Protein backbone atom coordinates (compact mmCIF):
# COMPACT_ATOMS: atom_id res chain seq x y z
CA UNK A 1 1.67 -2.30 25.68
CA UNK A 2 -0.35 -2.36 22.50
CA UNK A 3 -2.19 -5.51 21.62
CA UNK A 4 -1.35 -7.97 18.85
CA UNK A 5 -4.15 -9.05 16.53
CA UNK A 6 -3.71 -12.01 14.17
CA UNK A 7 -6.42 -13.11 11.73
CA UNK A 8 -6.16 -16.15 9.46
CA UNK A 9 -8.68 -15.93 6.62
CA UNK A 10 -9.04 -19.26 4.84
CA UNK A 11 -12.58 -18.46 3.72
CA UNK A 12 -13.16 -14.80 4.40
CA UNK A 13 -16.88 -14.09 4.57
CA UNK A 14 -16.68 -10.35 5.15
CA UNK A 15 -19.13 -8.51 2.89
CA UNK A 16 -19.20 -4.75 2.74
CA UNK A 17 -21.62 -2.97 0.47
CA UNK A 18 -19.78 -0.07 -1.14
CA UNK A 19 -22.38 0.59 -3.83
CA UNK A 20 -23.53 3.73 -2.02
CA UNK A 21 -20.06 5.23 -2.48
CA UNK A 22 -20.21 4.70 -6.24
CA UNK A 23 -23.82 5.66 -6.99
CA UNK A 24 -23.39 9.41 -7.29
CA UNK A 25 -19.61 9.60 -7.44
CA UNK A 26 -18.01 12.10 -9.79
CA UNK A 27 -14.43 10.90 -9.82
CA UNK A 28 -11.96 13.60 -10.76
CA UNK A 29 -8.38 12.57 -11.56
CA UNK A 30 -5.24 14.53 -12.25
CA UNK A 31 -1.52 14.01 -12.69
CA UNK A 32 0.66 16.02 -10.32
CA UNK A 33 4.36 16.60 -10.94
CA UNK A 34 6.53 17.11 -7.87
CA UNK A 35 10.13 16.40 -6.92
CA UNK A 36 12.49 15.03 -4.32
CA UNK A 37 16.21 15.80 -4.19
CA UNK A 38 16.14 17.13 -7.73
CA UNK A 39 14.35 14.11 -9.21
CA UNK A 40 11.06 14.81 -10.98
CA UNK A 41 8.23 12.52 -9.92
CA UNK A 42 4.72 12.22 -11.34
CA UNK A 43 1.82 11.19 -9.11
CA UNK A 44 -1.86 10.57 -9.72
CA UNK A 45 -4.60 12.02 -7.52
CA UNK A 46 -8.29 11.09 -7.47
CA UNK A 47 -11.27 12.30 -5.46
CA UNK A 48 -15.05 12.36 -5.61
CA UNK A 49 -16.01 15.83 -6.80
CA UNK A 50 -19.61 15.33 -5.68
CA UNK A 51 -18.49 15.40 -2.03
CA UNK A 52 -17.94 18.63 -0.16
CA UNK A 53 -15.33 19.47 2.45
CA UNK A 54 -12.01 17.89 3.37
CA UNK A 55 -11.64 14.15 3.73
CA UNK A 56 -8.85 11.75 4.75
CA UNK A 57 -6.11 10.99 2.24
CA UNK A 58 -4.56 7.65 1.32
CA UNK A 59 -1.15 7.28 -0.33
CA UNK A 60 -0.75 4.33 -2.71
CA UNK A 61 2.72 2.89 -3.36
CA UNK A 62 3.11 0.86 -6.54
CA UNK A 63 4.62 -2.58 -7.19
CA UNK A 64 8.24 -2.95 -8.27
CA UNK A 65 7.25 -2.33 -11.91
CA UNK A 66 6.70 1.34 -11.14
CA UNK A 67 3.83 3.84 -11.18
CA UNK A 68 1.35 1.96 -13.36
CA UNK A 69 -2.34 1.40 -14.08
CA UNK A 70 -2.70 -0.99 -11.13
CA UNK A 71 -1.73 1.76 -8.66
CA UNK A 72 -3.88 4.32 -10.47
CA UNK A 73 -6.94 2.08 -10.40
CA UNK A 74 -6.56 1.65 -6.63
CA UNK A 75 -6.50 5.43 -6.23
CA UNK A 76 -9.74 5.70 -8.18
CA UNK A 77 -11.30 2.98 -6.00
CA UNK A 78 -10.29 4.93 -2.90
CA UNK A 79 -11.95 8.02 -4.35
CA UNK A 80 -15.11 6.00 -4.95
CA UNK A 81 -15.00 5.02 -1.26
CA UNK A 82 -14.86 8.67 -0.19
CA UNK A 83 -11.12 9.26 0.25
CA UNK A 84 -8.55 11.38 -1.54
CA UNK A 85 -6.20 8.88 -3.14
CA UNK A 86 -2.70 9.68 -4.33
CA UNK A 87 -0.49 7.21 -6.20
CA UNK A 88 3.06 8.35 -5.63
CA UNK A 89 6.06 7.76 -7.86
CA UNK A 90 9.11 6.10 -6.29
CA UNK A 91 11.30 5.94 -9.41
CA UNK A 92 10.94 9.17 -11.39
CA UNK A 93 8.72 10.44 -14.17
CA UNK A 94 8.38 7.86 -16.95
CA UNK A 95 10.41 5.10 -15.26
CA UNK A 96 8.21 2.04 -15.73
CA UNK A 97 9.85 -1.38 -15.95
CA UNK A 98 9.00 -3.78 -18.78
CA UNK A 99 11.14 -6.71 -17.59
CA UNK A 100 11.81 -8.17 -14.12
CA UNK A 101 15.50 -7.35 -14.39
CA UNK A 102 14.64 -3.70 -14.94
CA UNK A 103 12.10 -3.73 -12.10
CA UNK A 104 14.73 -5.29 -9.81
CA UNK A 105 17.21 -2.59 -10.79
CA UNK A 106 14.74 0.23 -10.11
CA UNK A 107 13.46 -1.16 -6.80
CA UNK A 108 16.92 -2.11 -5.51
CA UNK A 109 18.22 1.39 -6.21
CA UNK A 110 15.49 2.80 -3.97
CA UNK A 111 15.47 0.13 -1.25
CA UNK A 112 19.26 0.15 -0.88
CA UNK A 113 19.17 3.82 0.13
CA UNK A 114 16.73 4.21 3.00
CA UNK A 115 17.05 7.99 2.98
CA UNK A 116 15.97 8.07 -0.66
CA UNK A 117 13.13 5.62 -0.08
CA UNK A 118 11.74 7.49 2.92
CA UNK A 119 12.44 10.87 1.34
CA UNK A 120 10.38 10.07 -1.75
CA UNK A 121 7.58 8.73 0.42
CA UNK A 122 7.70 11.83 2.61
CA UNK A 123 7.57 14.11 -0.44
CA UNK A 124 4.29 12.48 -1.46
CA UNK A 125 3.04 12.58 2.12
CA UNK A 126 3.73 16.31 2.36
CA UNK A 127 2.02 16.94 -0.97
CA UNK A 128 -1.14 15.11 0.09
CA UNK A 129 -1.14 16.54 3.61
CA UNK A 130 -0.96 20.10 2.26
CA UNK A 131 -3.58 19.52 -0.45
CA UNK A 132 -6.77 21.53 0.01
CA UNK A 133 -8.93 18.42 -0.33
CA UNK A 134 -7.47 16.77 2.77
CA UNK A 135 -7.58 19.91 4.89
CA UNK A 136 -5.72 18.54 7.89
CA UNK A 137 -7.60 15.22 7.91
CA UNK A 138 -5.64 12.06 8.84
CA UNK A 139 -3.57 10.22 6.25
CA UNK A 140 -3.03 6.51 5.65
CA UNK A 141 -0.82 4.61 3.21
CA UNK A 142 -1.15 1.33 1.33
CA UNK A 143 1.40 -0.49 -0.80
CA UNK A 144 1.65 -3.46 -3.13
CA UNK A 145 4.63 -5.86 -3.21
CA UNK A 146 7.59 -3.44 -3.27
CA UNK A 147 5.16 -0.76 -2.16
CA UNK A 148 4.10 -2.86 0.81
CA UNK A 149 7.67 -2.91 2.08
CA UNK A 150 7.86 0.87 1.57
CA UNK A 151 4.79 1.65 3.70
CA UNK A 152 6.00 -0.71 6.43
CA UNK A 153 9.36 1.10 6.49
CA UNK A 154 7.52 4.42 6.69
CA UNK A 155 5.60 3.13 9.71
CA UNK A 156 8.79 1.83 11.33
CA UNK A 157 10.36 5.26 10.87
CA UNK A 158 7.57 6.86 12.88
CA UNK A 159 5.55 8.42 10.05
CA UNK A 160 2.51 10.33 11.28
CA UNK A 161 -0.05 8.05 9.64
CA UNK A 162 -3.25 6.64 11.06
CA UNK A 163 -2.73 3.29 9.34
CA UNK A 164 -0.57 1.51 6.79
CA UNK A 165 -1.55 -1.59 4.84
CA UNK A 166 0.78 -3.93 2.97
CA UNK A 167 -0.61 -6.15 0.21
CA UNK A 168 1.65 -9.14 -0.61
CA UNK A 169 4.70 -7.15 0.43
CA UNK A 170 8.03 -8.23 1.89
CA UNK A 171 8.17 -8.06 5.70
CA UNK A 172 11.92 -8.21 6.35
CA UNK A 173 13.81 -5.12 7.44
CA UNK A 174 17.23 -3.97 8.57
CA UNK A 175 15.56 -1.29 10.71
CA UNK A 176 13.10 -3.05 13.03
CA UNK A 177 10.48 -1.03 14.84
CA UNK A 178 11.46 0.24 18.27
CA UNK A 179 9.09 0.40 21.25
CA UNK A 180 6.83 3.46 21.07
CA UNK A 181 8.22 4.47 17.67
CA UNK A 182 5.32 3.36 15.44
CA UNK A 183 2.32 5.69 15.30
CA UNK A 184 0.35 3.86 12.62
CA UNK A 185 -1.81 0.79 13.02
CA UNK A 186 -0.47 -1.91 10.70
CA UNK A 187 -2.51 -4.15 8.42
CA UNK A 188 -0.83 -6.94 6.43
CA UNK A 189 -2.47 -9.00 3.67
CA UNK A 190 -0.43 -12.05 2.77
CA UNK A 191 -0.82 -15.03 0.46
CA UNK A 192 -0.29 -18.39 2.17
CA UNK A 193 1.32 -19.74 -1.01
CA UNK A 194 3.64 -16.78 -1.56
CA UNK A 195 7.22 -18.15 -1.82
CA UNK A 196 8.66 -14.63 -1.61
CA UNK A 197 7.37 -14.21 1.95
CA UNK A 198 8.50 -17.42 3.71
CA UNK A 199 7.36 -18.57 7.13
CA UNK A 200 10.63 -17.44 8.73
CA UNK A 201 10.05 -13.90 7.52
CA UNK A 202 6.51 -13.89 8.89
CA UNK A 203 7.68 -15.20 12.26
CA UNK A 204 10.37 -12.52 12.46
CA UNK A 205 7.83 -9.83 11.60
CA UNK A 206 5.44 -11.01 14.31
CA UNK A 207 8.24 -11.04 16.85
CA UNK A 208 9.29 -7.54 15.78
CA UNK A 209 5.77 -6.19 16.18
CA UNK A 210 5.31 -7.87 19.57
CA UNK A 211 8.63 -6.55 20.85
CA UNK A 212 7.80 -3.02 19.71
CA UNK A 213 4.25 -3.22 21.10
CA UNK A 214 2.64 -2.39 17.76
CA UNK A 215 -1.05 -2.87 16.97
CA UNK A 216 -1.22 -4.99 13.86
CA UNK A 217 -3.56 -7.28 11.97
CA UNK A 218 -2.13 -10.10 9.84
CA UNK A 219 -4.49 -11.71 7.33
CA UNK A 220 -3.44 -14.83 5.44
CA UNK A 221 -5.31 -15.87 2.28
CA UNK A 222 -5.19 -19.57 1.45
CA UNK A 223 -4.52 -20.31 -2.21
CA UNK A 224 -3.08 -16.85 -2.85
CA UNK A 225 0.46 -16.18 -4.00
CA UNK A 226 2.50 -13.07 -4.75
CA UNK A 227 0.73 -10.17 -6.53
CA UNK A 228 -2.69 -11.65 -5.79
CA UNK A 229 -4.38 -8.23 -6.21
CA UNK A 230 -3.02 -7.57 -9.71
CA UNK A 231 -5.31 -8.77 -12.55
CA UNK A 232 -2.29 -8.77 -14.85
CA UNK A 233 -0.26 -11.12 -12.64
CA UNK A 234 -1.22 -14.32 -14.51
CA UNK A 235 0.12 -12.92 -17.78
CA UNK A 236 3.31 -11.84 -16.01
CA UNK A 237 3.73 -15.32 -14.54
CA UNK A 238 3.41 -16.91 -17.98
CA UNK A 239 5.66 -14.43 -19.75
CA UNK A 240 8.49 -14.37 -17.21
CA UNK A 241 8.01 -17.66 -15.32
CA UNK A 242 7.49 -15.83 -12.03
CA UNK A 243 5.71 -17.16 -8.89
CA UNK A 244 2.89 -14.61 -9.10
CA UNK A 245 -0.82 -14.89 -9.81
CA UNK A 246 -4.13 -13.11 -9.51
CA UNK A 247 -6.67 -14.32 -6.95
CA UNK A 248 -10.05 -12.60 -7.35
CA UNK A 249 -11.36 -13.71 -3.94
CA UNK A 250 -8.29 -12.54 -2.05
CA UNK A 251 -8.27 -9.29 -4.02
CA UNK A 252 -11.93 -8.58 -3.26
CA UNK A 253 -11.81 -9.60 0.39
CA UNK A 254 -8.58 -7.78 1.18
CA UNK A 255 -9.99 -4.59 -0.34
CA UNK A 256 -13.16 -4.92 1.73
CA UNK A 257 -11.03 -5.39 4.86
CA UNK A 258 -9.04 -2.29 3.95
CA UNK A 259 -12.08 -0.07 3.47
CA UNK A 260 -13.59 -1.33 6.73
CA UNK A 261 -10.38 -0.45 8.61
CA UNK A 262 -10.12 2.93 6.94
CA UNK A 263 -13.72 3.75 7.79
CA UNK A 264 -13.14 2.74 11.39
CA UNK A 265 -9.71 4.24 12.06
CA UNK A 266 -9.02 7.12 9.70
């Protein structure tokens, strides 16, 4: 049986110096249009052009708003760290929500059809896996809020990924992991004060992982709520009266944890 790892980070002191990855970086970015089941999708790829040879790829799945600048910035940060980053598109070219009701409509349409959700993820996975820059190297996936739930579902489905990481994402599922079905290591970053991920949901997730024998790391950040990695979350909270907010410490420390895990396992 695989082991269970649980980490509670009330005052995370992990410091990782990534300056070396940025010193001589020549970040190249490009939009890539692809499709799934007749729907046009537009992704965003970034890599360090100063590096030679293939390198591991990391898929980034956006929040429920859609493929936005937050997801694109994370892809660029992954490129700075030495990976090929690809921000996929779960909704379709140009579909970016401006109001929570629209975001709920878009995300529900995808989440309510698991075949569509996994199919759009798999289309991005295939694109990145076949890209010349990855050259057969391992792939990982990370997701934010809605995107966190997507990468967890991909892992539950048995996706051939070295690791998936969920940032302030929902943990509930109607398709729990089965023993020996999950290939990816799982990393979860959660805000202690996030009302959208209640204690009951966390307990159910831990039980699911234990039953399926899945390696996972669960990191709780005190004082952090939903969307704690998004610098625009405070403005969203004020505009729409939503329980979200940016937390610079949790954002920084969770990213450092991610890069450390990627460097070690991918």
